[in-house]
N, C-alpha and C. Protein backbone atom coordinates (compact mmCIF):
# COMPACT_ATOMS: atom_id res chain seq x y z
N UNK A 1 120.09 94.27 119.38
CA UNK A 1 119.03 94.31 118.69
C UNK A 1 117.54 94.40 118.62
N UNK A 2 117.04 95.12 117.52
CA UNK A 2 115.46 95.30 117.00
C UNK A 2 114.79 94.71 116.23
N UNK A 3 113.87 93.35 116.40
CA UNK A 3 113.40 92.86 115.72
C UNK A 3 111.85 93.77 115.41
N UNK A 4 111.51 93.84 113.97
CA UNK A 4 110.39 94.66 113.80
C UNK A 4 109.40 93.27 112.53
N UNK A 5 108.55 92.67 113.29
CA UNK A 5 107.69 91.88 112.00
C UNK A 5 106.44 92.38 111.71
N UNK A 6 105.96 92.15 110.51
CA UNK A 6 104.71 92.54 109.76
C UNK A 6 103.49 91.09 109.58
N UNK A 7 103.10 91.80 110.59
CA UNK A 7 101.84 90.54 110.46
C UNK A 7 100.21 90.74 109.82
N UNK A 8 99.91 90.54 109.33
CA UNK A 8 98.25 90.51 108.43
C UNK A 8 97.36 89.49 108.73
N UNK A 9 96.03 89.37 108.78
CA UNK A 9 95.05 88.42 108.95
C UNK A 9 93.98 88.98 108.31
N UNK A 10 93.57 87.59 108.04
CA UNK A 10 92.28 87.18 107.32
C UNK A 10 91.20 86.43 108.19
N UNK A 11 90.31 86.92 108.54
CA UNK A 11 89.18 85.96 109.17
C UNK A 11 88.59 85.05 108.07
N UNK A 12 88.30 83.70 108.30
CA UNK A 12 87.75 82.64 107.65
C UNK A 12 86.40 82.60 108.77
N UNK A 13 85.57 81.38 108.08
CA UNK A 13 84.40 81.17 108.74
C UNK A 13 84.99 80.27 109.91
N UNK A 14 85.77 79.27 109.73
CA UNK A 14 86.03 78.51 110.88
C UNK A 14 87.16 78.98 112.09
N UNK A 15 87.50 78.64 113.00
CA UNK A 15 88.46 79.44 114.06
C UNK A 15 89.96 78.76 113.76
N UNK A 16 89.90 77.22 113.06
CA UNK A 16 91.27 77.48 112.75
C UNK A 16 91.76 78.27 112.04
N UNK A 17 93.12 78.17 112.05
CA UNK A 17 93.83 79.60 111.26
C UNK A 17 95.22 78.80 110.88
N UNK A 18 95.24 78.67 109.55
CA UNK A 18 96.75 78.83 108.30
C UNK A 18 97.84 79.83 108.57
N UNK A 19 98.93 79.41 109.11
CA UNK A 19 100.10 80.38 108.76
C UNK A 19 101.52 80.38 108.04
N UNK A 20 101.19 81.33 107.74
CA UNK A 20 102.31 81.89 106.37
C UNK A 20 103.52 82.55 106.87
N UNK A 21 104.53 81.72 107.00
CA UNK A 21 105.29 82.58 107.53
C UNK A 21 106.44 82.79 106.68
N UNK A 22 107.16 84.17 106.46
CA UNK A 22 108.70 84.41 105.43
C UNK A 22 109.58 85.62 105.98
N UNK A 23 110.73 85.57 105.86
CA UNK A 23 111.42 86.69 106.68
C UNK A 23 111.77 87.41 105.30
N UNK A 24 111.87 88.70 106.15
CA UNK A 24 112.47 90.18 105.13
C UNK A 24 114.38 90.38 105.63
N UNK A 25 114.63 89.64 105.75
CA UNK A 25 115.70 89.87 106.04
C UNK A 25 116.78 89.40 105.59
N UNK A 26 118.08 89.65 105.59
CA UNK A 26 118.97 88.99 105.32
C UNK A 26 119.92 88.74 105.76
N UNK A 27 120.67 87.75 106.07
CA UNK A 27 122.15 86.73 106.33
C UNK A 27 122.74 87.96 107.53
N UNK A 28 123.32 87.24 108.19
CA UNK A 28 124.00 88.64 109.03
C UNK A 28 125.17 87.97 110.02
N UNK A 29 126.37 88.68 108.65
CA UNK A 29 127.55 87.75 109.65
C UNK A 29 127.38 87.56 111.51
N UNK A 30 127.97 86.65 112.08
CA UNK A 30 127.57 86.03 113.46
C UNK A 30 129.51 86.94 114.16
N UNK A 31 130.13 86.59 113.05
CA UNK A 31 131.36 87.04 113.53
C UNK A 31 132.21 87.68 112.61
N UNK A 32 133.74 88.30 113.38
CA UNK A 32 134.34 88.39 112.24
C UNK A 32 134.91 87.44 110.83
N UNK A 33 134.92 86.04 111.90
CA UNK A 33 135.70 84.94 111.42
C UNK A 33 134.18 84.85 110.14
N UNK A 34 133.13 84.75 110.60
CA UNK A 34 132.10 85.18 109.35
C UNK A 34 132.05 85.99 108.16
N UNK A 35 131.92 87.24 108.37
CA UNK A 35 132.66 87.97 107.07
C UNK A 35 133.33 87.81 106.44
N UNK A 36 135.35 87.10 106.87
CA UNK A 36 136.32 86.91 106.37
C UNK A 36 136.28 85.36 105.73
N UNK A 37 135.17 85.01 105.98
CA UNK A 37 134.63 82.78 105.28
C UNK A 37 133.78 83.75 104.20
N UNK A 38 132.71 84.84 103.90
CA UNK A 38 131.68 84.98 103.27
C UNK A 38 131.78 86.83 102.67
N UNK A 39 133.07 86.80 102.31
CA UNK A 39 132.75 88.65 101.83
C UNK A 39 132.05 89.02 100.63
N UNK A 40 130.69 89.62 100.61
CA UNK A 40 130.34 89.87 99.16
C UNK A 40 129.62 88.94 98.79
N UNK A 41 129.40 87.48 99.95
CA UNK A 41 129.03 86.61 98.73
C UNK A 41 127.16 86.93 98.86
N UNK A 42 127.04 85.32 98.16
CA UNK A 42 125.02 86.17 98.30
C UNK A 42 124.62 85.30 99.11
N UNK A 43 124.99 85.04 100.07
CA UNK A 43 124.86 85.19 101.58
C UNK A 43 124.62 86.38 102.07
N UNK A 44 125.08 87.44 101.55
CA UNK A 44 124.91 88.76 102.24
C UNK A 44 124.40 89.83 100.67
N UNK A 45 122.78 89.02 100.61
CA UNK A 45 122.52 89.69 99.05
C UNK A 45 121.39 90.83 99.07
N UNK A 46 120.81 90.63 100.85
CA UNK A 46 120.05 91.36 101.17
C UNK A 46 118.18 90.75 100.76
N UNK A 47 117.73 91.12 100.24
CA UNK A 47 116.36 90.82 100.50
C UNK A 47 116.05 89.45 99.07
N UNK A 48 117.46 89.40 98.44
CA UNK A 48 117.51 88.30 97.47
C UNK A 48 117.22 87.03 98.24
N UNK A 49 118.05 87.49 99.71
CA UNK A 49 117.94 86.02 100.15
C UNK A 49 116.32 85.22 100.15
N UNK A 50 115.83 85.37 100.32
CA UNK A 50 114.11 84.93 100.96
C UNK A 50 113.18 85.67 99.93
N UNK A 51 113.54 86.55 98.85
CA UNK A 51 112.92 87.30 98.02
C UNK A 51 112.11 85.85 96.88
N UNK A 52 112.16 85.13 96.40
CA UNK A 52 111.20 84.26 96.62
C UNK A 52 109.49 83.57 97.27
N UNK A 53 109.89 83.33 98.08
CA UNK A 53 109.84 83.68 99.35
C UNK A 53 108.79 84.09 99.91
N UNK A 54 108.90 85.35 99.86
CA UNK A 54 107.73 86.58 99.98
C UNK A 54 107.36 87.24 99.01
N UNK A 55 107.47 87.02 97.57
CA UNK A 55 106.84 86.83 96.63
C UNK A 55 105.82 85.81 96.69
N UNK A 56 105.87 85.05 97.47
CA UNK A 56 105.24 83.60 97.05
C UNK A 56 104.07 84.20 98.08
N UNK A 57 104.72 84.79 99.17
CA UNK A 57 104.04 84.82 100.06
C UNK A 57 103.21 86.21 99.92
N UNK A 58 103.55 87.00 99.01
CA UNK A 58 102.36 88.17 98.79
C UNK A 58 101.41 88.02 97.82
N UNK A 59 101.91 87.34 96.74
CA UNK A 59 100.75 87.28 95.87
C UNK A 59 99.37 85.85 96.45
N UNK A 60 99.84 85.27 97.02
CA UNK A 60 99.40 84.75 97.60
C UNK A 60 98.09 85.59 98.46
N UNK A 61 98.62 86.71 99.57
CA UNK A 61 97.49 87.33 100.10
C UNK A 61 96.78 88.08 99.15
N UNK A 62 97.49 88.11 97.85
CA UNK A 62 96.49 89.38 97.02
C UNK A 62 95.43 87.87 96.73
N UNK A 63 95.46 87.09 96.42
CA UNK A 63 94.53 86.31 95.57
C UNK A 63 93.62 85.77 96.57
N UNK A 64 94.23 85.25 98.12
CA UNK A 64 93.23 85.10 98.81
C UNK A 64 92.25 86.58 99.31
N UNK A 65 93.06 87.73 99.15
CA UNK A 65 91.89 88.83 99.51
C UNK A 65 91.10 88.53 99.03
N UNK A 66 90.18 87.71 97.73
CA UNK A 66 89.21 88.13 96.78
C UNK A 66 88.34 87.54 96.84
N UNK A 67 88.67 86.05 98.01
CA UNK A 67 87.75 85.43 97.99
C UNK A 67 86.83 84.93 99.60
N UNK A 68 85.88 84.54 99.81
CA UNK A 68 86.16 84.15 100.83
C UNK A 68 86.87 82.89 101.57
N UNK A 69 86.82 82.73 102.52
CA UNK A 69 87.95 81.56 103.28
C UNK A 69 87.46 81.41 104.56
N UNK A 70 87.69 79.97 104.45
CA UNK A 70 87.18 78.50 105.04
C UNK A 70 88.13 78.64 106.21
N UNK A 71 88.89 78.90 105.98
CA UNK A 71 90.23 78.80 107.26
C UNK A 71 90.33 80.08 107.16
N UNK A 72 91.07 81.37 108.28
CA UNK A 72 91.08 81.86 108.83
C UNK A 72 93.18 81.82 108.14
N UNK A 73 93.80 82.85 107.57
CA UNK A 73 94.79 83.02 107.66
C UNK A 73 95.59 84.20 108.50
N UNK A 74 96.90 83.63 108.59
CA UNK A 74 97.46 84.59 109.31
C UNK A 74 98.78 84.89 108.10
N UNK A 75 99.55 86.47 107.68
CA UNK A 75 101.18 85.75 106.78
C UNK A 75 102.05 86.88 107.94
N UNK A 76 103.00 86.21 108.44
CA UNK A 76 104.00 86.46 109.21
C UNK A 76 104.97 87.19 108.41
N UNK A 77 105.50 88.03 108.19
CA UNK A 77 107.16 88.69 108.10
C UNK A 77 108.11 89.11 108.58
N UNK A 78 109.08 87.95 108.81
CA UNK A 78 110.25 88.36 110.17
C UNK A 78 111.19 89.29 109.27
N UNK A 79 111.57 90.07 110.95
CA UNK A 79 112.55 90.59 110.58
C UNK A 79 113.84 89.31 111.63
N UNK A 80 114.73 89.60 111.46
CA UNK A 80 115.76 89.41 112.56
C UNK A 80 115.59 88.01 112.85
N UNK A 81 115.18 87.07 111.46
CA UNK A 81 115.58 85.72 110.94
C UNK A 81 116.17 85.06 111.23
N UNK A 82 117.17 85.43 110.63
CA UNK A 82 118.26 85.38 110.58
C UNK A 82 119.60 85.49 111.41
N UNK A 83 119.62 86.32 111.95
CA UNK A 83 120.75 87.20 112.74
C UNK A 83 120.37 86.27 114.83
N UNK A 84 120.79 85.13 114.75
CA UNK A 84 120.87 83.86 115.56
C UNK A 84 119.32 83.91 115.95
N UNK A 85 118.43 83.63 115.29
CA UNK A 85 116.54 83.70 115.33
C UNK A 85 116.25 84.01 115.87
N UNK A 86 116.83 85.49 116.09
CA UNK A 86 116.30 86.19 117.53
C UNK A 86 114.84 87.18 117.05
N UNK A 87 114.25 87.37 115.52
CA UNK A 87 113.43 87.58 114.96
C UNK A 87 111.90 86.41 115.58
N UNK A 88 112.55 85.15 114.95
CA UNK A 88 111.94 83.89 115.38
C UNK A 88 111.35 83.95 116.47
N UNK A 89 112.34 83.84 117.49
CA UNK A 89 112.24 83.49 119.39
C UNK A 89 111.20 85.08 119.33
N UNK A 90 111.31 85.79 119.11
CA UNK A 90 110.27 87.40 119.55
C UNK A 90 109.15 86.66 119.03
């Protein structure tokens, strides 16, 4: 499996950093039992799996891009977050 994460950072006036994380991927069945148990379910809806959290992260990034920051901010969008946690571990 290959996992690719997107990271954007903006420096603040102090070295401390706020980390904001969301995942980009959908839940992936890990076995044929999972596939049989959840055929076409809401768990397999792609970006809808985390759309609200990702939308909030993108809006926050846009709003914070227009003002000076006290703390640095790092935005991380993970892939493979729901595939046996491979993306999060990487």
